[in-house]
Amino acid sequence: MPAPDRIIRMETVRARTGLSRSTIYRKIKEGTFPPQLRISIHGAGWRESDINSWVANPVTWRATNDNEAPDGKVANHDAG
């Protein structure tokens, strides 16, 4: 059984990618960065595997229909 995918928050994403908060949200809207997952009413995070994929190849990464959030809004996926 594969290890569960962790949910990471904004500060971790910023540290791993080197991007600013505004650049992350702009790239989400453009479809060139993984969208967030809603993890609570006021909280959101990213799947660690999505961020790792983006870091491995940021130039060619594109959102897929499975994880794409319309209009750059937070995707509403289950975290499990």
N, C-alpha and C. Protein backbone atom coordinates (compact mmCIF):
# COMPACT_ATOMS: atom_id res chain seq x y z
N MET A 1 0.84 -1.18 0.00
CA MET A 1 0.00 0.00 0.00
C MET A 1 0.89 1.25 0.00
N PRO A 2 0.66 2.16 -0.92
CA PRO A 2 1.50 3.37 -0.97
C PRO A 2 1.25 4.26 0.24
N ALA A 3 2.26 5.03 0.56
CA ALA A 3 2.14 5.97 1.68
C ALA A 3 1.08 7.01 1.36
N PRO A 4 0.30 7.43 2.37
CA PRO A 4 -0.72 8.45 2.10
C PRO A 4 -0.09 9.78 1.69
N ASP A 5 -0.80 10.50 0.85
CA ASP A 5 -0.32 11.79 0.37
C ASP A 5 -0.58 12.84 1.46
N ARG A 6 0.46 13.53 1.87
CA ARG A 6 0.31 14.57 2.89
C ARG A 6 -0.28 15.83 2.27
N ILE A 7 -0.95 16.61 3.11
CA ILE A 7 -1.43 17.92 2.71
C ILE A 7 -0.47 18.94 3.31
N ILE A 8 0.05 19.82 2.46
CA ILE A 8 0.99 20.84 2.94
C ILE A 8 0.37 22.22 2.78
N ARG A 9 0.78 23.14 3.64
CA ARG A 9 0.19 24.47 3.68
C ARG A 9 1.07 25.46 2.92
N MET A 10 0.58 26.69 2.83
CA MET A 10 1.20 27.74 2.01
C MET A 10 2.68 27.95 2.32
N GLU A 11 3.05 28.06 3.57
CA GLU A 11 4.46 28.34 3.89
C GLU A 11 5.39 27.24 3.40
N THR A 12 4.95 26.00 3.48
CA THR A 12 5.75 24.89 2.98
C THR A 12 5.85 24.94 1.46
N VAL A 13 4.72 25.25 0.80
CA VAL A 13 4.72 25.37 -0.66
C VAL A 13 5.66 26.49 -1.09
N ARG A 14 5.59 27.62 -0.42
CA ARG A 14 6.48 28.75 -0.75
C ARG A 14 7.94 28.36 -0.57
N ALA A 15 8.25 27.66 0.51
CA ALA A 15 9.63 27.26 0.75
C ALA A 15 10.13 26.28 -0.31
N ARG A 16 9.29 25.36 -0.73
CA ARG A 16 9.71 24.35 -1.73
C ARG A 16 9.79 24.91 -3.14
N THR A 17 8.94 25.87 -3.46
CA THR A 17 8.90 26.37 -4.83
C THR A 17 9.71 27.64 -5.04
N GLY A 18 9.89 28.42 -3.98
CA GLY A 18 10.57 29.71 -4.11
C GLY A 18 9.66 30.79 -4.68
N LEU A 19 8.36 30.51 -4.78
CA LEU A 19 7.41 31.47 -5.33
C LEU A 19 6.76 32.29 -4.23
N SER A 20 6.34 33.50 -4.58
CA SER A 20 5.59 34.33 -3.63
C SER A 20 4.14 33.87 -3.61
N ARG A 21 3.42 34.27 -2.58
CA ARG A 21 2.00 33.96 -2.45
C ARG A 21 1.21 34.43 -3.68
N SER A 22 1.45 35.67 -4.11
CA SER A 22 0.70 36.20 -5.25
C SER A 22 1.03 35.45 -6.54
N THR A 23 2.27 35.05 -6.72
CA THR A 23 2.65 34.29 -7.91
C THR A 23 1.98 32.92 -7.91
N ILE A 24 1.91 32.28 -6.75
CA ILE A 24 1.24 30.98 -6.65
C ILE A 24 -0.22 31.11 -7.08
N TYR A 25 -0.93 32.10 -6.54
CA TYR A 25 -2.35 32.26 -6.89
C TYR A 25 -2.54 32.64 -8.36
N ARG A 26 -1.64 33.43 -8.90
CA ARG A 26 -1.72 33.78 -10.33
C ARG A 26 -1.53 32.54 -11.18
N LYS A 27 -0.55 31.72 -10.83
CA LYS A 27 -0.28 30.51 -11.60
C LYS A 27 -1.43 29.51 -11.48
N ILE A 28 -2.08 29.44 -10.33
CA ILE A 28 -3.25 28.57 -10.19
C ILE A 28 -4.32 29.02 -11.16
N LYS A 29 -4.56 30.32 -11.20
CA LYS A 29 -5.58 30.86 -12.10
C LYS A 29 -5.25 30.58 -13.56
N GLU A 30 -3.96 30.64 -13.91
CA GLU A 30 -3.51 30.36 -15.28
C GLU A 30 -3.55 28.87 -15.61
N GLY A 31 -3.65 28.02 -14.59
CA GLY A 31 -3.62 26.58 -14.81
C GLY A 31 -2.23 26.01 -14.89
N THR A 32 -1.23 26.78 -14.40
CA THR A 32 0.16 26.32 -14.47
C THR A 32 0.73 25.97 -13.10
N PHE A 33 -0.13 25.78 -12.11
CA PHE A 33 0.29 25.40 -10.76
C PHE A 33 -0.85 24.60 -10.15
N PRO A 34 -0.53 23.59 -9.35
CA PRO A 34 -1.59 22.76 -8.75
C PRO A 34 -2.55 23.59 -7.90
N PRO A 35 -3.85 23.34 -8.04
CA PRO A 35 -4.83 24.05 -7.22
C PRO A 35 -4.84 23.53 -5.79
N GLN A 36 -5.37 24.33 -4.91
CA GLN A 36 -5.48 23.94 -3.50
C GLN A 36 -6.64 22.98 -3.29
N LEU A 37 -6.60 22.32 -2.15
CA LEU A 37 -7.68 21.48 -1.67
C LEU A 37 -8.26 22.15 -0.44
N ARG A 38 -9.56 22.20 -0.35
CA ARG A 38 -10.18 22.74 0.86
C ARG A 38 -10.07 21.67 1.94
N ILE A 39 -9.48 22.03 3.09
CA ILE A 39 -9.31 21.07 4.18
C ILE A 39 -10.15 21.44 5.40
N SER A 40 -10.71 22.63 5.41
CA SER A 40 -11.65 23.05 6.45
C SER A 40 -12.39 24.27 5.92
N ILE A 41 -13.25 24.83 6.73
CA ILE A 41 -14.02 25.99 6.29
C ILE A 41 -13.10 27.13 5.87
N HIS A 42 -12.07 27.40 6.64
CA HIS A 42 -11.16 28.51 6.35
C HIS A 42 -9.74 28.05 6.02
N GLY A 43 -9.58 26.78 5.75
CA GLY A 43 -8.24 26.28 5.50
C GLY A 43 -8.13 25.55 4.18
N ALA A 44 -6.97 25.63 3.58
CA ALA A 44 -6.70 24.93 2.33
C ALA A 44 -5.23 24.54 2.29
N GLY A 45 -4.94 23.55 1.50
CA GLY A 45 -3.56 23.11 1.35
C GLY A 45 -3.39 22.43 0.00
N TRP A 46 -2.24 21.87 -0.22
CA TRP A 46 -1.92 21.21 -1.48
C TRP A 46 -1.51 19.78 -1.19
N ARG A 47 -1.79 18.89 -2.15
CA ARG A 47 -1.25 17.54 -2.06
C ARG A 47 0.26 17.65 -2.25
N GLU A 48 1.00 17.02 -1.39
CA GLU A 48 2.46 17.06 -1.49
C GLU A 48 2.92 16.48 -2.83
N SER A 49 2.26 15.45 -3.31
CA SER A 49 2.67 14.84 -4.59
C SER A 49 2.47 15.81 -5.75
N ASP A 50 1.41 16.65 -5.70
CA ASP A 50 1.20 17.65 -6.76
C ASP A 50 2.32 18.68 -6.77
N ILE A 51 2.74 19.13 -5.59
CA ILE A 51 3.82 20.11 -5.51
C ILE A 51 5.13 19.47 -5.96
N ASN A 52 5.37 18.23 -5.55
CA ASN A 52 6.59 17.54 -5.98
C ASN A 52 6.64 17.40 -7.49
N SER A 53 5.51 17.11 -8.12
CA SER A 53 5.46 17.01 -9.59
C SER A 53 5.75 18.35 -10.23
N TRP A 54 5.18 19.41 -9.66
CA TRP A 54 5.42 20.74 -10.22
C TRP A 54 6.90 21.12 -10.08
N VAL A 55 7.49 20.87 -8.92
CA VAL A 55 8.90 21.20 -8.69
C VAL A 55 9.79 20.42 -9.65
N ALA A 56 9.45 19.18 -9.93
CA ALA A 56 10.25 18.35 -10.82
C ALA A 56 10.27 18.91 -12.25
N ASN A 57 9.16 19.52 -12.69
CA ASN A 57 9.11 20.05 -14.05
C ASN A 57 8.09 21.19 -14.15
N PRO A 58 8.42 22.36 -13.63
CA PRO A 58 7.45 23.47 -13.60
C PRO A 58 7.10 24.03 -14.98
N VAL A 59 7.98 23.91 -15.94
CA VAL A 59 7.74 24.50 -17.25
C VAL A 59 6.62 23.77 -18.00
N THR A 60 6.58 22.46 -17.89
CA THR A 60 5.59 21.70 -18.65
C THR A 60 4.39 21.25 -17.82
N TRP A 61 4.37 21.54 -16.52
CA TRP A 61 3.25 21.12 -15.67
C TRP A 61 1.98 21.84 -16.11
N ARG A 62 0.91 21.11 -16.27
CA ARG A 62 -0.40 21.67 -16.59
C ARG A 62 -1.44 20.97 -15.72
N ALA A 63 -2.45 21.71 -15.32
CA ALA A 63 -3.54 21.13 -14.55
C ALA A 63 -4.27 20.11 -15.41
N THR A 64 -4.69 19.01 -14.79
CA THR A 64 -5.49 18.01 -15.49
C THR A 64 -6.95 18.20 -15.09
N ASN A 65 -7.84 17.60 -15.81
CA ASN A 65 -9.26 17.72 -15.48
C ASN A 65 -9.55 17.19 -14.09
N ASP A 66 -8.75 16.26 -13.60
CA ASP A 66 -8.97 15.67 -12.28
C ASP A 66 -8.70 16.66 -11.15
N ASN A 67 -7.73 17.57 -11.33
CA ASN A 67 -7.39 18.46 -10.22
C ASN A 67 -7.53 19.93 -10.56
N GLU A 68 -8.06 20.25 -11.70
CA GLU A 68 -8.17 21.64 -12.12
C GLU A 68 -9.31 22.34 -11.40
N ALA A 69 -9.04 23.52 -10.91
CA ALA A 69 -10.06 24.33 -10.25
C ALA A 69 -10.53 25.40 -11.21
N PRO A 70 -11.82 25.53 -11.45
CA PRO A 70 -12.30 26.55 -12.37
C PRO A 70 -12.06 27.95 -11.84
N ASP A 71 -11.64 28.85 -12.70
CA ASP A 71 -11.44 30.25 -12.36
C ASP A 71 -10.47 30.47 -11.21
N GLY A 72 -9.53 29.54 -11.00
CA GLY A 72 -8.53 29.71 -9.97
C GLY A 72 -9.04 29.57 -8.56
N LYS A 73 -10.26 29.06 -8.38
CA LYS A 73 -10.81 28.90 -7.04
C LYS A 73 -10.31 27.60 -6.44
N VAL A 74 -10.42 27.50 -5.13
CA VAL A 74 -9.95 26.32 -4.42
C VAL A 74 -10.75 25.11 -4.85
N ALA A 75 -10.03 24.06 -5.25
CA ALA A 75 -10.69 22.83 -5.63
C ALA A 75 -11.29 22.19 -4.40
N ASN A 76 -12.41 21.53 -4.54
CA ASN A 76 -13.08 20.90 -3.41
C ASN A 76 -12.92 19.40 -3.53
N HIS A 77 -11.73 18.89 -3.20
CA HIS A 77 -11.44 17.46 -3.26
C HIS A 77 -11.35 16.92 -1.84
N ASP A 78 -11.64 15.64 -1.71
CA ASP A 78 -11.42 14.99 -0.42
C ASP A 78 -9.93 14.82 -0.23
N ALA A 79 -9.46 15.00 0.98
CA ALA A 79 -8.03 14.88 1.26
C ALA A 79 -7.62 13.44 1.50
N GLY A 80 -8.47 12.48 1.31
CA GLY A 80 -8.11 11.10 1.59
C GLY A 80 -8.30 10.25 0.49
